[in-house]
Amino acid sequence: MTAKQFSTIPHANLVDFVNNDALAVVQNTADTAEILKLVSKAAQQLSARVDCVLEQWISQHSENKQNEPYLTTTAGKTYTLKDILTEIRQQTDFGRKMERNIMMLAVDLLTREKKQVSDD
């Protein structure tokens, strides 16, 4: 995106973009090594997001398994694996809660006395 394009974005949208979507902002005079370092960092950030990891795990299941009911809330609403992923990506109340619960579970598993992890 060029500086001219930035100037056409409404202020509120620009703040939201920088706070939530931008991976990096560089001057057009940045050298290739700096840009490659930022691209590598952005790729790492994207691959480590809960929704990306969840999508990778979901893709290992058959299409039928992805679309069958997987989770039912106490209120009786049913979600498929794909529904859960969509809710997380859309940052709905349910999606934010699921994302937090997944992260809490991951931390819980990591803090147990596990002495060996796979290299994957």
C-alpha atoms as a PDB file:
ATOM      1  CA  MET A   1       0.000   0.000   0.000  1.00  0.00           C
ATOM      2  CA  THR A   2       1.395   3.408  -0.843  1.00  0.00           C
ATOM      3  CA  ALA A   3       1.406   6.513   1.355  1.00  0.00           C
ATOM      4  CA  LYS A   4      -1.173   8.055  -0.963  1.00  0.00           C
ATOM      5  CA  GLN A   5      -3.504   5.099  -0.363  1.00  0.00           C
ATOM      6  CA  PHE A   6      -3.042   5.485   3.413  1.00  0.00           C
ATOM      7  CA  SER A   7      -4.131   9.110   3.205  1.00  0.00           C
ATOM      8  CA  THR A   8      -7.470   8.096   1.674  1.00  0.00           C
ATOM      9  CA  ILE A   9      -8.398   5.741   4.531  1.00  0.00           C
ATOM     10  CA  PRO A  10     -10.745   7.286   7.120  1.00  0.00           C
ATOM     11  CA  HIS A  11      -8.946   7.840  10.442  1.00  0.00           C
ATOM     12  CA  ALA A  12     -11.015   5.287  12.419  1.00  0.00           C
ATOM     13  CA  ASN A  13     -10.430   2.624   9.757  1.00  0.00           C
ATOM     14  CA  LEU A  14      -6.708   3.414   9.659  1.00  0.00           C
ATOM     15  CA  VAL A  15      -6.421   3.036  13.442  1.00  0.00           C
ATOM     16  CA  ASP A  16      -8.261  -0.295  13.230  1.00  0.00           C
ATOM     17  CA  PHE A  17      -6.003  -1.420  10.352  1.00  0.00           C
ATOM     18  CA  VAL A  18      -2.801  -0.562  12.203  1.00  0.00           C
ATOM     19  CA  ASN A  19      -3.976  -2.065  15.496  1.00  0.00           C
ATOM     20  CA  ASN A  20      -5.453  -5.257  14.080  1.00  0.00           C
ATOM     21  CA  ASP A  21      -4.466  -6.018  10.509  1.00  0.00           C
ATOM     22  CA  ALA A  22      -1.137  -4.441   9.624  1.00  0.00           C
ATOM     23  CA  LEU A  23       1.812  -6.763   9.897  1.00  0.00           C
ATOM     24  CA  ALA A  24       4.366  -4.041   9.216  1.00  0.00           C
ATOM     25  CA  VAL A  25       4.736  -0.570   7.779  1.00  0.00           C
ATOM     26  CA  VAL A  26       8.008   0.280   6.049  1.00  0.00           C
ATOM     27  CA  GLN A  27       9.379   3.174   4.079  1.00  0.00           C
ATOM     28  CA  ASN A  28       9.722   2.621   0.359  1.00  0.00           C
ATOM     29  CA  THR A  29      13.478   3.067   0.832  1.00  0.00           C
ATOM     30  CA  ALA A  30      13.739  -0.054   3.022  1.00  0.00           C
ATOM     31  CA  ASP A  31      16.364  -2.493   1.833  1.00  0.00           C
ATOM     32  CA  THR A  32      15.532  -5.997   0.684  1.00  0.00           C
ATOM     33  CA  ALA A  33      17.026  -7.670   3.765  1.00  0.00           C
ATOM     34  CA  GLU A  34      14.772  -5.599   6.058  1.00  0.00           C
ATOM     35  CA  ILE A  35      11.696  -6.392   3.968  1.00  0.00           C
ATOM     36  CA  LEU A  36      12.502 -10.130   3.880  1.00  0.00           C
ATOM     37  CA  LYS A  37      12.912 -10.120   7.669  1.00  0.00           C
ATOM     38  CA  LEU A  38       9.474  -8.491   8.037  1.00  0.00           C
ATOM     39  CA  VAL A  39       7.893 -10.960   5.590  1.00  0.00           C
ATOM     40  CA  SER A  40       9.358 -13.866   7.550  1.00  0.00           C
ATOM     41  CA  LYS A  41       8.030 -12.394  10.808  1.00  0.00           C
ATOM     42  CA  ALA A  42       4.583 -11.874   9.250  1.00  0.00           C
ATOM     43  CA  ALA A  43       4.499 -15.471   7.997  1.00  0.00           C
ATOM     44  CA  GLN A  44       5.360 -16.709  11.510  1.00  0.00           C
ATOM     45  CA  GLN A  45       2.651 -14.543  13.067  1.00  0.00           C
ATOM     46  CA  LEU A  46       0.052 -15.833  10.623  1.00  0.00           C
ATOM     47  CA  SER A  47       1.015 -19.477  11.035  1.00  0.00           C
ATOM     48  CA  ALA A  48       0.866 -19.207  14.830  1.00  0.00           C
ATOM     49  CA  ARG A  49      -2.637 -17.758  15.002  1.00  0.00           C
ATOM     50  CA  VAL A  50      -5.207 -19.996  16.657  1.00  0.00           C
ATOM     51  CA  ASP A  51      -7.494 -19.920  13.622  1.00  0.00           C
ATOM     52  CA  CYS A  52      -4.687 -20.971  11.276  1.00  0.00           C
ATOM     53  CA  VAL A  53      -3.614 -23.857  13.493  1.00  0.00           C
ATOM     54  CA  LEU A  54      -7.244 -24.879  13.960  1.00  0.00           C
ATOM     55  CA  GLU A  55      -7.845 -24.750  10.205  1.00  0.00           C
ATOM     56  CA  GLN A  56      -4.839 -27.000   9.634  1.00  0.00           C
ATOM     57  CA  TRP A  57      -6.174 -29.493  12.199  1.00  0.00           C
ATOM     58  CA  ILE A  58      -9.694 -29.365  10.701  1.00  0.00           C
ATOM     59  CA  SER A  59      -8.345 -29.990   7.191  1.00  0.00           C
ATOM     60  CA  GLN A  60      -6.977 -33.340   8.385  1.00  0.00           C
ATOM     61  CA  HIS A  61     -10.566 -34.544   8.886  1.00  0.00           C
ATOM     62  CA  SER A  62     -12.915 -35.758   6.159  1.00  0.00           C
ATOM     63  CA  GLU A  63     -15.420 -33.300   4.688  1.00  0.00           C
ATOM     64  CA  ASN A  64     -18.213 -35.219   6.445  1.00  0.00           C
ATOM     65  CA  LYS A  65     -16.442 -34.971   9.814  1.00  0.00           C
ATOM     66  CA  GLN A  66     -15.860 -31.233   9.281  1.00  0.00           C
ATOM     67  CA  ASN A  67     -19.573 -30.651   8.745  1.00  0.00           C
ATOM     68  CA  GLU A  68     -21.107 -32.872  11.419  1.00  0.00           C
ATOM     69  CA  PRO A  69     -22.073 -31.463  14.841  1.00  0.00           C
ATOM     70  CA  TYR A  70     -18.965 -31.268  17.007  1.00  0.00           C
ATOM     71  CA  LEU A  71     -19.863 -29.119  19.996  1.00  0.00           C
ATOM     72  CA  THR A  72     -23.106 -28.199  21.722  1.00  0.00           C
ATOM     73  CA  THR A  73     -23.346 -25.252  24.105  1.00  0.00           C
ATOM     74  CA  THR A  74     -25.269 -25.320  27.361  1.00  0.00           C
ATOM     75  CA  ALA A  75     -27.905 -23.223  25.560  1.00  0.00           C
ATOM     76  CA  GLY A  76     -28.311 -26.041  23.016  1.00  0.00           C
ATOM     77  CA  LYS A  77     -26.628 -24.386  20.000  1.00  0.00           C
ATOM     78  CA  THR A  78     -24.645 -26.870  17.922  1.00  0.00           C
ATOM     79  CA  TYR A  79     -21.444 -26.058  16.030  1.00  0.00           C
ATOM     80  CA  THR A  80     -19.503 -27.994  13.414  1.00  0.00           C
ATOM     81  CA  LEU A  81     -15.717 -27.740  13.193  1.00  0.00           C
ATOM     82  CA  LYS A  82     -16.134 -25.310  10.296  1.00  0.00           C
ATOM     83  CA  ASP A  83     -18.637 -23.255  12.310  1.00  0.00           C
ATOM     84  CA  ILE A  84     -16.159 -22.930  15.172  1.00  0.00           C
ATOM     85  CA  LEU A  85     -13.440 -21.747  12.791  1.00  0.00           C
ATOM     86  CA  THR A  86     -15.810 -19.205  11.236  1.00  0.00           C
ATOM     87  CA  GLU A  87     -16.881 -17.921  14.658  1.00  0.00           C
ATOM     88  CA  ILE A  88     -13.239 -17.439  15.683  1.00  0.00           C
ATOM     89  CA  ARG A  89     -12.371 -15.646  12.445  1.00  0.00           C
ATOM     90  CA  GLN A  90     -15.409 -13.372  12.698  1.00  0.00           C
ATOM     91  CA  GLN A  91     -14.547 -12.673  16.353  1.00  0.00           C
ATOM     92  CA  THR A  92     -18.101 -13.241  17.554  1.00  0.00           C
ATOM     93  CA  ASP A  93     -18.639 -13.533  21.315  1.00  0.00           C
ATOM     94  CA  PHE A  94     -18.646 -17.318  20.970  1.00  0.00           C
ATOM     95  CA  GLY A  95     -15.575 -17.211  18.701  1.00  0.00           C
ATOM     96  CA  ARG A  96     -13.580 -15.065  21.140  1.00  0.00           C
ATOM     97  CA  LYS A  97     -14.525 -17.391  24.017  1.00  0.00           C
ATOM     98  CA  MET A  98     -13.511 -20.466  21.998  1.00  0.00           C
ATOM     99  CA  GLU A  99     -10.215 -18.866  20.990  1.00  0.00           C
ATOM    100  CA  ARG A 100      -9.469 -18.011  24.625  1.00  0.00           C
ATOM    101  CA  ASN A 101     -10.433 -21.519  25.787  1.00  0.00           C
ATOM    102  CA  ILE A 102      -8.180 -23.097  23.145  1.00  0.00           C
ATOM    103  CA  MET A 103      -5.281 -20.886  24.248  1.00  0.00           C
ATOM    104  CA  MET A 104      -5.929 -21.664  27.934  1.00  0.00           C
ATOM    105  CA  LEU A 105      -5.972 -25.390  27.149  1.00  0.00           C
ATOM    106  CA  ALA A 106      -2.705 -25.082  25.211  1.00  0.00           C
ATOM    107  CA  VAL A 107      -1.049 -23.271  28.120  1.00  0.00           C
ATOM    108  CA  ASP A 108      -2.397 -25.855  30.560  1.00  0.00           C
ATOM    109  CA  LEU A 109      -0.981 -28.689  28.461  1.00  0.00           C
ATOM    110  CA  LEU A 110       2.370 -26.915  28.121  1.00  0.00           C
ATOM    111  CA  THR A 111       2.689 -26.283  31.840  1.00  0.00           C
ATOM    112  CA  ARG A 112       2.126 -29.883  32.829  1.00  0.00           C
ATOM    113  CA  GLU A 113       5.250 -31.863  33.520  1.00  0.00           C
ATOM    114  CA  LYS A 114       5.651 -33.082  29.974  1.00  0.00           C
ATOM    115  CA  LYS A 115       9.335 -33.765  29.390  1.00  0.00           C
ATOM    116  CA  GLN A 116       9.285 -34.363  25.623  1.00  0.00           C
ATOM    117  CA  VAL A 117       7.501 -32.771  22.684  1.00  0.00           C
ATOM    118  CA  SER A 118       7.493 -33.659  19.012  1.00  0.00           C
ATOM    119  CA  ASP A 119       9.607 -31.674  16.558  1.00  0.00           C
ATOM    120  CA  ASP A 120       6.563 -30.859  14.381  1.00  0.00           C
END
